[in-house]
């Protein structure tokens, strides 16, 4: 399975030290050059900078193909993710921002985000969902407490 990731999912998975689940969930993880540039920002947290210094072989940086003019309302990373996913016929994209997710779905792409990756890894027994959610809540990741509690509750129900 080929997945194209935006900055946010990679950023948060690195910050909570769960980025190593990505190659266990997906065969190939691609990022467009625009996402690589965003991750290399001078404002990036130190764990991100350290990750990029020794970037793993499973992370493939690709030039972004030509961008559809109808995507101009999105940031450069989101535009690049969608364009790269369409040009490579990727199986899925990893996007957290609502507008980007909507634009990707409108173009027929399967969409997941940070929480979806975490949930999938937990479902496959790679991580413990409550622990991962606790770590994520300690970052500046934006999700409602209701959503976090809903995910925690689904773990309880599914383990009965």
Protein backbone atom coordinates (compact mmCIF):
# COMPACT_ATOMS: atom_id res chain seq x y z
CA UNK A 1 0.00 0.00 0.00
CA UNK A 2 1.35 3.41 -1.01
CA UNK A 3 0.48 6.42 1.14
CA UNK A 4 1.31 10.09 0.66
CA UNK A 5 1.63 12.09 3.87
CA UNK A 6 1.18 15.73 4.73
CA UNK A 7 3.31 17.45 7.37
CA UNK A 8 0.95 17.14 10.34
CA UNK A 9 0.67 13.34 10.62
CA UNK A 10 4.44 12.90 10.31
CA UNK A 11 5.09 15.73 12.74
CA UNK A 12 2.84 14.32 15.46
CA UNK A 13 3.90 10.71 15.01
CA UNK A 14 7.53 11.80 15.35
CA UNK A 15 6.75 13.95 18.41
CA UNK A 16 5.04 11.05 20.20
CA UNK A 17 7.77 8.65 19.05
CA UNK A 18 5.47 6.43 16.99
CA UNK A 19 6.74 7.21 13.48
CA UNK A 20 8.23 3.70 13.26
CA UNK A 21 4.71 2.29 12.88
CA UNK A 22 4.39 3.83 9.42
CA UNK A 23 6.51 1.26 7.52
CA UNK A 24 4.68 -1.49 9.41
CA UNK A 25 1.32 -0.18 8.19
CA UNK A 26 2.26 0.91 4.66
CA UNK A 27 4.59 -0.46 1.98
CA UNK A 28 5.73 2.98 0.83
CA UNK A 29 5.45 6.41 2.46
CA UNK A 30 5.85 9.30 0.05
CA UNK A 31 6.00 13.01 0.81
CA UNK A 32 6.06 15.83 -1.71
CA UNK A 33 8.97 18.27 -1.65
CA UNK A 34 6.68 20.92 -0.14
CA UNK A 35 6.06 18.73 2.92
CA UNK A 36 9.79 18.03 3.24
CA UNK A 37 10.38 21.80 3.14
CA UNK A 38 7.73 22.38 5.86
CA UNK A 39 9.30 19.71 8.07
CA UNK A 40 12.72 21.37 7.65
CA UNK A 41 11.40 24.75 8.83
CA UNK A 42 13.61 26.63 11.27
CA UNK A 43 10.62 26.61 13.64
CA UNK A 44 10.34 22.81 13.58
CA UNK A 45 10.67 21.10 16.97
CA UNK A 46 14.04 19.47 17.71
CA UNK A 47 12.72 15.88 17.38
CA UNK A 48 11.65 16.68 13.80
CA UNK A 49 15.06 18.15 12.99
CA UNK A 50 16.81 15.08 14.41
CA UNK A 51 14.49 12.79 12.44
CA UNK A 52 15.34 14.57 9.18
CA UNK A 53 19.10 14.44 9.80
CA UNK A 54 18.87 10.66 9.77
CA UNK A 55 15.70 10.24 7.72
CA UNK A 56 14.81 6.56 7.36
CA UNK A 57 14.93 4.84 4.00
CA UNK A 58 11.19 4.18 4.10
CA UNK A 59 10.43 7.91 3.69
CA UNK A 60 10.56 8.92 0.02
CA UNK A 61 10.68 12.62 -0.89
CA UNK A 62 9.24 13.25 -4.33
CA UNK A 63 8.94 16.40 -6.44
CA UNK A 64 5.38 17.65 -6.55
CA UNK A 65 3.68 17.27 -9.91
CA UNK A 66 1.79 20.13 -11.47
CA UNK A 67 -0.86 21.44 -9.08
CA UNK A 68 -4.51 21.67 -10.10
CA UNK A 69 -5.55 25.33 -9.98
CA UNK A 70 -8.68 24.37 -8.01
CA UNK A 71 -6.44 23.45 -5.05
CA UNK A 72 -5.06 26.98 -4.58
CA UNK A 73 -7.08 27.47 -1.36
CA UNK A 74 -4.97 24.79 0.34
CA UNK A 75 -1.46 25.19 1.72
CA UNK A 76 1.48 24.02 -0.38
CA UNK A 77 1.89 20.75 1.52
CA UNK A 78 -1.75 19.75 1.10
CA UNK A 79 -1.69 20.68 -2.59
CA UNK A 80 1.47 18.64 -3.07
CA UNK A 81 0.06 15.64 -1.22
CA UNK A 82 -3.07 15.52 -3.35
CA UNK A 83 -1.20 16.07 -6.62
CA UNK A 84 1.43 13.44 -5.76
CA UNK A 85 -1.20 10.93 -4.65
CA UNK A 86 -3.13 11.36 -7.90
CA UNK A 87 -0.02 11.11 -10.08
CA UNK A 88 1.35 8.01 -8.31
CA UNK A 89 -2.06 6.35 -7.91
CA UNK A 90 -1.41 6.12 -4.16
CA UNK A 91 -3.82 4.05 -2.11
CA UNK A 92 -4.36 6.73 0.51
CA UNK A 93 -3.32 10.14 1.80
CA UNK A 94 -2.58 11.21 5.36
CA UNK A 95 -4.08 14.64 6.02
CA UNK A 96 -5.33 16.23 9.23
CA UNK A 97 -6.68 19.58 8.02
CA UNK A 98 -10.38 19.59 7.18
CA UNK A 99 -10.12 21.50 3.87
CA UNK A 100 -7.35 19.24 2.62
CA UNK A 101 -9.25 16.11 3.61
CA UNK A 102 -12.36 17.35 1.82
CA UNK A 103 -10.44 18.26 -1.34
CA UNK A 104 -8.76 14.84 -1.38
CA UNK A 105 -12.08 13.02 -0.98
CA UNK A 106 -13.61 15.12 -3.76
CA UNK A 107 -10.87 13.76 -6.02
CA UNK A 108 -11.60 10.16 -5.07
CA UNK A 109 -8.71 9.67 -2.66
CA UNK A 110 -8.95 7.62 0.52
CA UNK A 111 -8.09 9.80 3.49
CA UNK A 112 -6.80 9.13 6.96
CA UNK A 113 -5.01 11.30 9.49
CA UNK A 114 -2.92 11.07 12.61
CA UNK A 115 -5.74 9.57 14.68
CA UNK A 116 -6.58 7.10 11.94
CA UNK A 117 -2.98 5.89 11.74
CA UNK A 118 -2.85 5.51 15.51
CA UNK A 119 -6.14 3.62 15.55
CA UNK A 120 -5.03 1.32 12.72
CA UNK A 121 -1.74 0.56 14.50
CA UNK A 122 -3.65 -0.23 17.71
CA UNK A 123 -6.08 -2.47 15.83
CA UNK A 124 -3.08 -4.40 14.46
CA UNK A 125 -1.58 -4.74 17.93
CA UNK A 126 1.43 -2.55 17.15
CA UNK A 127 0.73 -0.01 19.91
CA UNK A 128 -1.55 0.55 22.87
CA UNK A 129 -4.25 3.06 21.90
CA UNK A 130 -4.73 4.73 25.31
CA UNK A 131 -0.97 5.28 25.66
CA UNK A 132 -0.69 6.76 22.16
CA UNK A 133 -3.68 9.04 22.75
CA UNK A 134 -2.25 10.19 26.09
CA UNK A 135 1.01 11.12 24.36
CA UNK A 136 -0.80 12.90 21.54
CA UNK A 137 -2.92 14.93 23.96
CA UNK A 138 0.29 16.30 25.50
CA UNK A 139 1.22 17.92 22.18
CA UNK A 140 -0.55 20.80 20.47
CA UNK A 141 -2.56 18.38 18.28
CA UNK A 142 -6.04 19.81 17.78
CA UNK A 143 -8.89 17.44 18.53
CA UNK A 144 -11.75 17.73 20.94
CA UNK A 145 -11.69 15.91 24.26
CA UNK A 146 -14.92 14.28 23.07
CA UNK A 147 -13.09 12.73 20.10
CA UNK A 148 -10.24 11.45 22.29
CA UNK A 149 -12.75 10.00 24.76
CA UNK A 150 -14.74 8.42 21.93
CA UNK A 151 -11.60 6.66 20.68
CA UNK A 152 -10.77 5.50 24.18
CA UNK A 153 -14.34 4.22 24.62
CA UNK A 154 -14.22 2.29 21.36
CA UNK A 155 -11.17 0.44 22.68
CA UNK A 156 -13.06 -0.59 25.78
CA UNK A 157 -16.08 -1.77 23.79
CA UNK A 158 -14.02 -3.71 21.24
CA UNK A 159 -12.06 -5.56 23.94
CA UNK A 160 -15.22 -7.00 25.56
